[in-house]
Amino acid sequence: MLPDTQNKKWAQDTDKFGYQMLLKMGWKAGNGLGKNQQGEVTHVKVEKREESLGMGMEADSAGNSAFVGQIQSFNEILKSLNNSKSKLIVKKCDSQNKRDKKRQV
């Protein structure tokens, strides 16, 4: 059985001190708080926060994934540049070796 993640047991408990105190002050279940009963009707919902984020912060998964994608693209570009540079060096060495061989003959 799953744990009560919606706090339904707590929300439906009518024996709590705060609930009893509100009833004594004239509040009725299902009404909002405030002079004109305009306030929230349900209890505050709690969400588990991500590690190392402050209250109210939302995880920036789109920003993080975009950054990771950019880093991967940048690394691929660097890799291709390094490969093309090494091919140029090899070609340059080959052409120098051919010239050197012609000079020796």
PDB file of N, CA and C in Angstrom:
ATOM      1  N   MET A   1       0.843  -1.185   0.000  1.00  0.00           N
ATOM      2  CA  MET A   1       0.000   0.000   0.000  1.00  0.00           C
ATOM      3  C   MET A   1       0.890   1.251   0.000  1.00  0.00           C
ATOM      4  N   LEU A   2       0.530   2.234  -0.810  1.00  0.00           N
ATOM      5  CA  LEU A   2       1.309   3.459  -0.913  1.00  0.00           C
ATOM      6  C   LEU A   2       1.101   4.342   0.310  1.00  0.00           C
ATOM      7  N   PRO A   3       2.120   5.116   0.675  1.00  0.00           N
ATOM      8  CA  PRO A   3       1.951   6.046   1.801  1.00  0.00           C
ATOM      9  C   PRO A   3       0.971   7.164   1.436  1.00  0.00           C
ATOM     10  N   ASP A   4       0.468   7.830   2.435  1.00  0.00           N
ATOM     11  CA  ASP A   4      -0.505   8.914   2.249  1.00  0.00           C
ATOM     12  C   ASP A   4       0.227  10.177   1.802  1.00  0.00           C
ATOM     13  N   THR A   5       0.522  10.275   0.505  1.00  0.00           N
ATOM     14  CA  THR A   5       1.280  11.424   0.002  1.00  0.00           C
ATOM     15  C   THR A   5       0.431  12.676  -0.121  1.00  0.00           C
ATOM     16  N   GLN A   6      -0.879  12.556  -0.114  1.00  0.00           N
ATOM     17  CA  GLN A   6      -1.771  13.705  -0.227  1.00  0.00           C
ATOM     18  C   GLN A   6      -2.185  14.255   1.139  1.00  0.00           C
ATOM     19  N   ASN A   7      -1.734  13.627   2.213  1.00  0.00           N
ATOM     20  CA  ASN A   7      -2.084  14.032   3.586  1.00  0.00           C
ATOM     21  C   ASN A   7      -3.588  14.019   3.819  1.00  0.00           C
ATOM     22  N   LYS A   8      -4.268  13.095   3.172  1.00  0.00           N
ATOM     23  CA  LYS A   8      -5.728  13.024   3.319  1.00  0.00           C
ATOM     24  C   LYS A   8      -6.126  12.655   4.745  1.00  0.00           C
ATOM     25  N   LYS A   9      -5.371  11.767   5.369  1.00  0.00           N
ATOM     26  CA  LYS A   9      -5.698  11.375   6.743  1.00  0.00           C
ATOM     27  C   LYS A   9      -5.611  12.583   7.666  1.00  0.00           C
ATOM     28  N   TRP A  10      -4.570  13.374   7.497  1.00  0.00           N
ATOM     29  CA  TRP A  10      -4.389  14.563   8.325  1.00  0.00           C
ATOM     30  C   TRP A  10      -5.491  15.579   8.029  1.00  0.00           C
ATOM     31  N   ALA A  11      -5.815  15.777   6.749  1.00  0.00           N
ATOM     32  CA  ALA A  11      -6.811  16.777   6.371  1.00  0.00           C
ATOM     33  C   ALA A  11      -8.209  16.416   6.875  1.00  0.00           C
ATOM     34  N   GLN A  12      -8.496  15.130   6.995  1.00  0.00           N
ATOM     35  CA  GLN A  12      -9.824  14.698   7.414  1.00  0.00           C
ATOM     36  C   GLN A  12      -9.930  14.474   8.918  1.00  0.00           C
ATOM     37  N   ASP A  13      -8.855  14.684   9.650  1.00  0.00           N
ATOM     38  CA  ASP A  13      -8.864  14.482  11.102  1.00  0.00           C
ATOM     39  C   ASP A  13      -9.518  15.695  11.774  1.00  0.00           C
ATOM     40  N   THR A  14     -10.667  15.495  12.392  1.00  0.00           N
ATOM     41  CA  THR A  14     -11.408  16.600  13.018  1.00  0.00           C
ATOM     42  C   THR A  14     -11.146  16.707  14.518  1.00  0.00           C
ATOM     43  N   ASP A  15     -10.211  15.925  15.036  1.00  0.00           N
ATOM     44  CA  ASP A  15      -9.913  15.967  16.470  1.00  0.00           C
ATOM     45  C   ASP A  15      -8.745  16.897  16.813  1.00  0.00           C
ATOM     46  N   LYS A  16      -8.117  17.488  15.824  1.00  0.00           N
ATOM     47  CA  LYS A  16      -6.942  18.334  16.056  1.00  0.00           C
ATOM     48  C   LYS A  16      -7.344  19.644  16.733  1.00  0.00           C
ATOM     49  N   PHE A  17      -6.405  20.212  17.465  1.00  0.00           N
ATOM     50  CA  PHE A  17      -6.627  21.440  18.232  1.00  0.00           C
ATOM     51  C   PHE A  17      -7.065  22.595  17.333  1.00  0.00           C
ATOM     52  N   GLY A  18      -6.346  22.805  16.212  1.00  0.00           N
ATOM     53  CA  GLY A  18      -6.651  23.931  15.324  1.00  0.00           C
ATOM     54  C   GLY A  18      -8.035  23.842  14.727  1.00  0.00           C
ATOM     55  N   TYR A  19      -8.425  22.660  14.334  1.00  0.00           N
ATOM     56  CA  TYR A  19      -9.748  22.442  13.750  1.00  0.00           C
ATOM     57  C   TYR A  19     -10.828  22.779  14.787  1.00  0.00           C
ATOM     58  N   GLN A  20     -10.648  22.271  16.003  1.00  0.00           N
ATOM     59  CA  GLN A  20     -11.629  22.521  17.070  1.00  0.00           C
ATOM     60  C   GLN A  20     -11.698  24.011  17.421  1.00  0.00           C
ATOM     61  N   MET A  21     -10.549  24.669  17.425  1.00  0.00           N
ATOM     62  CA  MET A  21     -10.513  26.094  17.749  1.00  0.00           C
ATOM     63  C   MET A  21     -11.249  26.912  16.680  1.00  0.00           C
ATOM     64  N   LEU A  22     -11.042  26.571  15.414  1.00  0.00           N
ATOM     65  CA  LEU A  22     -11.741  27.273  14.338  1.00  0.00           C
ATOM     66  C   LEU A  22     -13.256  27.091  14.450  1.00  0.00           C
ATOM     67  N   LEU A  23     -13.704  25.877  14.782  1.00  0.00           N
ATOM     68  CA  LEU A  23     -15.141  25.632  14.952  1.00  0.00           C
ATOM     69  C   LEU A  23     -15.718  26.501  16.059  1.00  0.00           C
ATOM     70  N   LYS A  24     -14.974  26.633  17.179  1.00  0.00           N
ATOM     71  CA  LYS A  24     -15.447  27.445  18.310  1.00  0.00           C
ATOM     72  C   LYS A  24     -15.529  28.916  17.948  1.00  0.00           C
ATOM     73  N   MET A  25     -14.723  29.339  16.956  1.00  0.00           N
ATOM     74  CA  MET A  25     -14.722  30.750  16.547  1.00  0.00           C
ATOM     75  C   MET A  25     -15.749  31.034  15.443  1.00  0.00           C
ATOM     76  N   GLY A  26     -16.542  30.023  15.060  1.00  0.00           N
ATOM     77  CA  GLY A  26     -17.612  30.252  14.100  1.00  0.00           C
ATOM     78  C   GLY A  26     -17.339  29.733  12.697  1.00  0.00           C
ATOM     79  N   TRP A  27     -16.187  29.175  12.464  1.00  0.00           N
ATOM     80  CA  TRP A  27     -15.873  28.640  11.127  1.00  0.00           C
ATOM     81  C   TRP A  27     -16.629  27.340  10.900  1.00  0.00           C
ATOM     82  N   LYS A  28     -17.008  27.089   9.666  1.00  0.00           N
ATOM     83  CA  LYS A  28     -17.677  25.840   9.308  1.00  0.00           C
ATOM     84  C   LYS A  28     -16.847  25.122   8.250  1.00  0.00           C
ATOM     85  N   ALA A  29     -16.812  23.805   8.336  1.00  0.00           N
ATOM     86  CA  ALA A  29     -16.039  23.005   7.382  1.00  0.00           C
ATOM     87  C   ALA A  29     -16.519  23.276   5.957  1.00  0.00           C
ATOM     88  N   GLY A  30     -15.586  23.457   5.040  1.00  0.00           N
ATOM     89  CA  GLY A  30     -15.913  23.723   3.638  1.00  0.00           C
ATOM     90  C   GLY A  30     -15.927  25.196   3.299  1.00  0.00           C
ATOM     91  N   ASN A  31     -15.864  26.077   4.320  1.00  0.00           N
ATOM     92  CA  ASN A  31     -15.813  27.521   4.084  1.00  0.00           C
ATOM     93  C   ASN A  31     -14.364  27.989   4.152  1.00  0.00           C
ATOM     94  N   GLY A  32     -14.083  29.092   3.461  1.00  0.00           N
ATOM     95  CA  GLY A  32     -12.759  29.681   3.525  1.00  0.00           C
ATOM     96  C   GLY A  32     -12.584  30.510   4.779  1.00  0.00           C
ATOM     97  N   LEU A  33     -11.334  30.830   5.097  1.00  0.00           N
ATOM     98  CA  LEU A  33     -11.060  31.698   6.236  1.00  0.00           C
ATOM     99  C   LEU A  33     -11.140  33.158   5.810  1.00  0.00           C
ATOM    100  N   GLY A  34     -11.319  34.040   6.764  1.00  0.00           N
ATOM    101  CA  GLY A  34     -11.372  35.471   6.475  1.00  0.00           C
ATOM    102  C   GLY A  34     -12.734  36.042   6.794  1.00  0.00           C
ATOM    103  N   LYS A  35     -12.808  37.369   6.788  1.00  0.00           N
ATOM    104  CA  LYS A  35     -14.040  38.072   7.142  1.00  0.00           C
ATOM    105  C   LYS A  35     -15.206  37.657   6.238  1.00  0.00           C
ATOM    106  N   ASN A  36     -14.921  37.531   4.946  1.00  0.00           N
ATOM    107  CA  ASN A  36     -15.973  37.175   3.991  1.00  0.00           C
ATOM    108  C   ASN A  36     -15.841  35.731   3.513  1.00  0.00           C
ATOM    109  N   GLN A  37     -15.119  34.949   4.246  1.00  0.00           N
ATOM    110  CA  GLN A  37     -14.869  33.538   3.928  1.00  0.00           C
ATOM    111  C   GLN A  37     -14.300  33.372   2.513  1.00  0.00           C
ATOM    112  N   GLN A  38     -13.409  34.295   2.138  1.00  0.00           N
ATOM    113  CA  GLN A  38     -12.824  34.297   0.798  1.00  0.00           C
ATOM    114  C   GLN A  38     -11.513  33.509   0.722  1.00  0.00           C
ATOM    115  N   GLY A  39     -11.023  33.010   1.831  1.00  0.00           N
ATOM    116  CA  GLY A  39      -9.731  32.329   1.856  1.00  0.00           C
ATOM    117  C   GLY A  39      -9.760  30.917   1.295  1.00  0.00           C
ATOM    118  N   GLU A  40      -8.608  30.281   1.362  1.00  0.00           N
ATOM    119  CA  GLU A  40      -8.461  28.907   0.875  1.00  0.00           C
ATOM    120  C   GLU A  40      -9.385  27.961   1.638  1.00  0.00           C
ATOM    121  N   VAL A  41      -9.933  27.008   0.925  1.00  0.00           N
ATOM    122  CA  VAL A  41     -10.832  26.034   1.526  1.00  0.00           C
ATOM    123  C   VAL A  41     -10.072  24.768   1.912  1.00  0.00           C
ATOM    124  N   THR A  42      -8.998  24.466   1.194  1.00  0.00           N
ATOM    125  CA  THR A  42      -8.219  23.252   1.472  1.00  0.00           C
ATOM    126  C   THR A  42      -6.932  23.593   2.212  1.00  0.00           C
ATOM    127  N   HIS A  43      -6.306  22.576   2.752  1.00  0.00           N
ATOM    128  CA  HIS A  43      -5.048  22.774   3.463  1.00  0.00           C
ATOM    129  C   HIS A  43      -3.907  23.019   2.474  1.00  0.00           C
ATOM    130  N   VAL A  44      -2.799  23.515   2.967  1.00  0.00           N
ATOM    131  CA  VAL A  44      -1.629  23.787   2.135  1.00  0.00           C
ATOM    132  C   VAL A  44      -1.038  22.456   1.678  1.00  0.00           C
ATOM    133  N   LYS A  45      -0.773  22.341   0.386  1.00  0.00           N
ATOM    134  CA  LYS A  45      -0.187  21.115  -0.152  1.00  0.00           C
ATOM    135  C   LYS A  45       1.333  21.222  -0.108  1.00  0.00           C
ATOM    136  N   VAL A  46       1.963  20.162   0.315  1.00  0.00           N
ATOM    137  CA  VAL A  46       3.410  20.130   0.475  1.00  0.00           C
ATOM    138  C   VAL A  46       4.027  19.333  -0.663  1.00  0.00           C
ATOM    139  N   GLU A  47       5.119  19.855  -1.227  1.00  0.00           N
ATOM    140  CA  GLU A  47       5.857  19.145  -2.263  1.00  0.00           C
ATOM    141  C   GLU A  47       7.291  18.954  -1.797  1.00  0.00           C
ATOM    142  N   LYS A  48       7.853  17.797  -2.091  1.00  0.00           N
ATOM    143  CA  LYS A  48       9.246  17.535  -1.730  1.00  0.00           C
ATOM    144  C   LYS A  48      10.136  18.370  -2.638  1.00  0.00           C
ATOM    145  N   ARG A  49      11.069  19.078  -2.058  1.00  0.00           N
ATOM    146  CA  ARG A  49      11.947  19.918  -2.852  1.00  0.00           C
ATOM    147  C   ARG A  49      13.162  19.141  -3.327  1.00  0.00           C
ATOM    148  N   GLU A  50      13.747  19.589  -4.424  1.00  0.00           N
ATOM    149  CA  GLU A  50      14.972  18.986  -4.934  1.00  0.00           C
ATOM    150  C   GLU A  50      16.102  19.288  -3.955  1.00  0.00           C
ATOM    151  N   GLU A  51      17.079  18.437  -3.932  1.00  0.00           N
ATOM    152  CA  GLU A  51      18.218  18.627  -3.032  1.00  0.00           C
ATOM    153  C   GLU A  51      18.936  19.936  -3.371  1.00  0.00           C
ATOM    154  N   SER A  52      19.306  20.668  -2.388  1.00  0.00           N
ATOM    155  CA  SER A  52      20.055  21.931  -2.444  1.00  0.00           C
ATOM    156  C   SER A  52      19.290  23.077  -3.106  1.00  0.00           C
ATOM    157  N   LEU A  53      17.982  22.972  -3.239  1.00  0.00           N
ATOM    158  CA  LEU A  53      17.181  24.086  -3.712  1.00  0.00           C
ATOM    159  C   LEU A  53      16.405  24.659  -2.535  1.00  0.00           C
ATOM    160  N   GLY A  54      16.205  25.941  -2.531  1.00  0.00           N
ATOM    161  CA  GLY A  54      15.463  26.576  -1.456  1.00  0.00           C
ATOM    162  C   GLY A  54      13.971  26.386  -1.620  1.00  0.00           C
ATOM    163  N   MET A  55      13.214  26.826  -0.614  1.00  0.00           N
ATOM    164  CA  MET A  55      11.758  26.692  -0.678  1.00  0.00           C
ATOM    165  C   MET A  55      11.208  27.499  -1.841  1.00  0.00           C
ATOM    166  N   GLY A  56      10.287  26.915  -2.575  1.00  0.00           N
ATOM    167  CA  GLY A  56       9.653  27.600  -3.685  1.00  0.00           C
ATOM    168  C   GLY A  56      10.413  27.508  -4.990  1.00  0.00           C
ATOM    169  N   MET A  57      11.611  26.998  -4.959  1.00  0.00           N
ATOM    170  CA  MET A  57      12.399  26.876  -6.193  1.00  0.00           C
ATOM    171  C   MET A  57      11.954  25.657  -6.984  1.00  0.00           C
ATOM    172  N   GLU A  58      12.003  25.786  -8.289  1.00  0.00           N
ATOM    173  CA  GLU A  58      11.688  24.670  -9.161  1.00  0.00           C
ATOM    174  C   GLU A  58      12.957  24.254  -9.880  1.00  0.00           C
ATOM    175  N   ALA A  59      13.107  22.972 -10.093  1.00  0.00           N
ATOM    176  CA  ALA A  59      14.286  22.467 -10.786  1.00  0.00           C
ATOM    177  C   ALA A  59      14.288  22.967 -12.225  1.00  0.00           C
ATOM    178  N   ASP A  60      15.436  23.400 -12.677  1.00  0.00           N
ATOM    179  CA  ASP A  60      15.587  23.912 -14.036  1.00  0.00           C
ATOM    180  C   ASP A  60      16.124  22.810 -14.926  1.00  0.00           C
ATOM    181  N   SER A  61      15.324  21.771 -15.121  1.00  0.00           N
ATOM    182  CA  SER A  61      15.802  20.633 -15.901  1.00  0.00           C
ATOM    183  C   SER A  61      16.006  21.009 -17.355  1.00  0.00           C
ATOM    184  N   ALA A  62      15.191  21.900 -17.894  1.00  0.00           N
ATOM    185  CA  ALA A  62      15.355  22.301 -19.295  1.00  0.00           C
ATOM    186  C   ALA A  62      16.664  23.057 -19.478  1.00  0.00           C
ATOM    187  N   GLY A  63      16.969  23.953 -18.561  1.00  0.00           N
ATOM    188  CA  GLY A  63      18.216  24.714 -18.647  1.00  0.00           C
ATOM    189  C   GLY A  63      19.423  23.824 -18.503  1.00  0.00           C
ATOM    190  N   ASN A  64      19.373  22.890 -17.556  1.00  0.00           N
ATOM    191  CA  ASN A  64      20.497  21.988 -17.360  1.00  0.00           C
ATOM    192  C   ASN A  64      20.700  21.074 -18.550  1.00  0.00           C
ATOM    193  N   SER A  65      19.637  20.526 -19.088  1.00  0.00           N
ATOM    194  CA  SER A  65      19.772  19.618 -20.235  1.00  0.00           C
ATOM    195  C   SER A  65      20.247  20.373 -21.461  1.00  0.00           C
ATOM    196  N   ALA A  66      19.806  21.623 -21.635  1.00  0.00           N
ATOM    197  CA  ALA A  66      20.271  22.429 -22.762  1.00  0.00           C
ATOM    198  C   ALA A  66      21.763  22.708 -22.628  1.00  0.00           C
ATOM    199  N   PHE A  67      22.201  23.006 -21.420  1.00  0.00           N
ATOM    200  CA  PHE A  67      23.625  23.268 -21.177  1.00  0.00           C
ATOM    201  C   PHE A  67      24.454  22.026 -21.466  1.00  0.00           C
ATOM    202  N   VAL A  68      23.985  20.881 -21.007  1.00  0.00           N
ATOM    203  CA  VAL A  68      24.700  19.630 -21.256  1.00  0.00           C
ATOM    204  C   VAL A  68      24.770  19.356 -22.757  1.00  0.00           C
ATOM    205  N   GLY A  69      23.685  19.608 -23.473  1.00  0.00           N
ATOM    206  CA  GLY A  69      23.664  19.425 -24.921  1.00  0.00           C
ATOM    207  C   GLY A  69      24.662  20.333 -25.628  1.00  0.00           C
ATOM    208  N   GLN A  70      24.756  21.580 -25.154  1.00  0.00           N
ATOM    209  CA  GLN A  70      25.708  22.520 -25.757  1.00  0.00           C
ATOM    210  C   GLN A  70      27.142  22.082 -25.496  1.00  0.00           C
ATOM    211  N   ILE A  71      27.416  21.609 -24.293  1.00  0.00           N
ATOM    212  CA  ILE A  71      28.767  21.139 -23.967  1.00  0.00           C
ATOM    213  C   ILE A  71      29.124  19.941 -24.836  1.00  0.00           C
ATOM    214  N   GLN A  72      28.189  19.021 -25.018  1.00  0.00           N
ATOM    215  CA  GLN A  72      28.451  17.846 -25.861  1.00  0.00           C
ATOM    216  C   GLN A  72      28.710  18.264 -27.308  1.00  0.00           C
ATOM    217  N   SER A  73      27.928  19.214 -27.809  1.00  0.00           N
ATOM    218  CA  SER A  73      28.136  19.706 -29.172  1.00  0.00           C
ATOM    219  C   SER A  73      29.496  20.376 -29.299  1.00  0.00           C
ATOM    220  N   PHE A  74      29.859  21.167 -28.316  1.00  0.00           N
ATOM    221  CA  PHE A  74      31.153  21.845 -28.321  1.00  0.00           C
ATOM    222  C   PHE A  74      32.287  20.827 -28.296  1.00  0.00           C
ATOM    223  N   ASN A  75      32.156  19.794 -27.485  1.00  0.00           N
ATOM    224  CA  ASN A  75      33.190  18.755 -27.425  1.00  0.00           C
ATOM    225  C   ASN A  75      33.308  18.017 -28.755  1.00  0.00           C
ATOM    226  N   GLU A  76      32.183  17.783 -29.430  1.00  0.00           N
ATOM    227  CA  GLU A  76      32.224  17.130 -30.742  1.00  0.00           C
ATOM    228  C   GLU A  76      32.927  18.008 -31.771  1.00  0.00           C
ATOM    229  N   ILE A  77      32.660  19.316 -31.714  1.00  0.00           N
ATOM    230  CA  ILE A  77      33.330  20.243 -32.635  1.00  0.00           C
ATOM    231  C   ILE A  77      34.833  20.235 -32.387  1.00  0.00           C
ATOM    232  N   LEU A  78      35.224  20.301 -31.121  1.00  0.00           N
ATOM    233  CA  LEU A  78      36.650  20.258 -30.793  1.00  0.00           C
ATOM    234  C   LEU A  78      37.286  18.961 -31.272  1.00  0.00           C
ATOM    235  N   LYS A  79      36.593  17.867 -31.098  1.00  0.00           N
ATOM    236  CA  LYS A  79      37.107  16.569 -31.526  1.00  0.00           C
ATOM    237  C   LYS A  79      37.307  16.539 -33.037  1.00  0.00           C
ATOM    238  N   SER A  80      36.311  17.046 -33.785  1.00  0.00           N
ATOM    239  CA  SER A  80      36.438  17.056 -35.247  1.00  0.00           C
ATOM    240  C   SER A  80      37.555  17.997 -35.685  1.00  0.00           C
ATOM    241  N   LEU A  81      37.713  19.130 -34.998  1.00  0.00           N
ATOM    242  CA  LEU A  81      38.807  20.044 -35.327  1.00  0.00           C
ATOM    243  C   LEU A  81      40.160  19.392 -35.054  1.00  0.00           C
ATOM    244  N   ASN A  82      40.274  18.700 -33.943  1.00  0.00           N
ATOM    245  CA  ASN A  82      41.528  18.019 -33.620  1.00  0.00           C
ATOM    246  C   ASN A  82      41.831  16.929 -34.645  1.00  0.00           C
ATOM    247  N   ASN A  83      40.802  16.189 -35.064  1.00  0.00           N
ATOM    248  CA  ASN A  83      41.000  15.143 -36.072  1.00  0.00           C
ATOM    249  C   ASN A  83      41.441  15.741 -37.403  1.00  0.00           C
ATOM    250  N   SER A  84      40.785  16.834 -37.822  1.00  0.00           N
ATOM    251  CA  SER A  84      41.156  17.455 -39.097  1.00  0.00           C
ATOM    252  C   SER A  84      42.555  18.058 -39.012  1.00  0.00           C
ATOM    253  N   LYS A  85      42.915  18.591 -37.862  1.00  0.00           N
ATOM    254  CA  LYS A  85      44.259  19.158 -37.681  1.00  0.00           C
ATOM    255  C   LYS A  85      45.304  18.051 -37.765  1.00  0.00           C
ATOM    256  N   SER A  86      45.021  16.924 -37.127  1.00  0.00           N
ATOM    257  CA  SER A  86      45.983  15.820 -37.169  1.00  0.00           C
ATOM    258  C   SER A  86      46.103  15.270 -38.591  1.00  0.00           C
ATOM    259  N   LYS A  87      45.017  15.254 -39.374  1.00  0.00           N
ATOM    260  CA  LYS A  87      45.077  14.816 -40.766  1.00  0.00           C
ATOM    261  C   LYS A  87      45.922  15.779 -41.590  1.00  0.00           C
ATOM    262  N   LEU A  88      45.786  17.089 -41.313  1.00  0.00           N
ATOM    263  CA  LEU A  88      46.591  18.080 -42.019  1.00  0.00           C
ATOM    264  C   LEU A  88      48.072  17.895 -41.697  1.00  0.00           C
ATOM    265  N   ILE A  89      48.374  17.618 -40.454  1.00  0.00           N
ATOM    266  CA  ILE A  89      49.760  17.411 -40.039  1.00  0.00           C
ATOM    267  C   ILE A  89      50.333  16.186 -40.736  1.00  0.00           C
ATOM    268  N   VAL A  90      49.545  15.121 -40.797  1.00  0.00           N
ATOM    269  CA  VAL A  90      49.998  13.897 -41.469  1.00  0.00           C
ATOM    270  C   VAL A  90      50.242  14.172 -42.947  1.00  0.00           C
ATOM    271  N   LYS A  91      49.325  14.899 -43.611  1.00  0.00           N
ATOM    272  CA  LYS A  91      49.488  15.227 -45.025  1.00  0.00           C
ATOM    273  C   LYS A  91      50.732  16.086 -45.239  1.00  0.00           C
ATOM    274  N   LYS A  92      50.949  17.040 -44.341  1.00  0.00           N
ATOM    275  CA  LYS A  92      52.109  17.925 -44.446  1.00  0.00           C
ATOM    276  C   LYS A  92      53.400  17.118 -44.299  1.00  0.00           C
ATOM    277  N   CYS A  93      53.415  16.205 -43.353  1.00  0.00           N
ATOM    278  CA  CYS A  93      54.592  15.356 -43.144  1.00  0.00           C
ATOM    279  C   CYS A  93      54.836  14.468 -44.361  1.00  0.00           C
ATOM    280  N   ASP A  94      53.779  13.914 -44.933  1.00  0.00           N
ATOM    281  CA  ASP A  94      53.904  13.063 -46.117  1.00  0.00           C
ATOM    282  C   ASP A  94      54.488  13.847 -47.285  1.00  0.00           C
ATOM    283  N   SER A  95      53.977  15.062 -47.474  1.00  0.00           N
ATOM    284  CA  SER A  95      54.478  15.872 -48.591  1.00  0.00           C
ATOM    285  C   SER A  95      55.937  16.268 -48.353  1.00  0.00           C
ATOM    286  N   GLN A  96      56.319  16.550 -47.110  1.00  0.00           N
ATOM    287  CA  GLN A  96      57.721  16.869 -46.811  1.00  0.00           C
ATOM    288  C   GLN A  96      58.615  15.652 -47.033  1.00  0.00           C
ATOM    289  N   ASN A  97      58.140  14.480 -46.659  1.00  0.00           N
ATOM    290  CA  ASN A  97      58.916  13.254 -46.858  1.00  0.00           C
ATOM    291  C   ASN A  97      59.136  13.004 -48.349  1.00  0.00           C
ATOM    292  N   LYS A  98      58.113  13.235 -49.172  1.00  0.00           N
ATOM    293  CA  LYS A  98      58.235  13.044 -50.615  1.00  0.00           C
ATOM    294  C   LYS A  98      59.262  14.014 -51.192  1.00  0.00           C
ATOM    295  N   ARG A  99      59.233  15.281 -50.726  1.00  0.00           N
ATOM    296  CA  ARG A  99      60.208  16.272 -51.200  1.00  0.00           C
ATOM    297  C   ARG A  99      61.622  15.885 -50.794  1.00  0.00           C
ATOM    298  N   ASP A 100      61.744  15.407 -49.549  1.00  0.00           N
ATOM    299  CA  ASP A 100      63.054  15.011 -49.060  1.00  0.00           C
ATOM    300  C   ASP A 100      63.605  13.828 -49.863  1.00  0.00           C
ATOM    301  N   LYS A 101      62.750  12.894 -50.201  1.00  0.00           N
ATOM    302  CA  LYS A 101      63.171  11.737 -50.990  1.00  0.00           C
ATOM    303  C   LYS A 101      63.613  12.173 -52.389  1.00  0.00           C
ATOM    304  N   LYS A 102      62.887  13.139 -52.989  1.00  0.00           N
ATOM    305  CA  LYS A 102      63.256  13.627 -54.311  1.00  0.00           C
ATOM    306  C   LYS A 102      64.602  14.319 -54.261  1.00  0.00           C
ATOM    307  N   ARG A 103      64.888  15.045 -53.195  1.00  0.00           N
ATOM    308  CA  ARG A 103      66.158  15.760 -53.044  1.00  0.00           C
ATOM    309  C   ARG A 103      67.312  14.762 -52.886  1.00  0.00           C
ATOM    310  N   GLN A 104      67.045  13.676 -52.220  1.00  0.00           N
ATOM    311  CA  GLN A 104      68.096  12.680 -51.977  1.00  0.00           C
ATOM    312  C   GLN A 104      68.482  11.963 -53.270  1.00  0.00           C
ATOM    313  N   VAL A 105      67.605  11.850 -54.196  1.00  0.00           N
ATOM    314  CA  VAL A 105      67.862  11.103 -55.448  1.00  0.00           C
ATOM    315  C   VAL A 105      68.694  11.887 -56.380  1.00  0.00           C
TER     316      VAL A 105
END
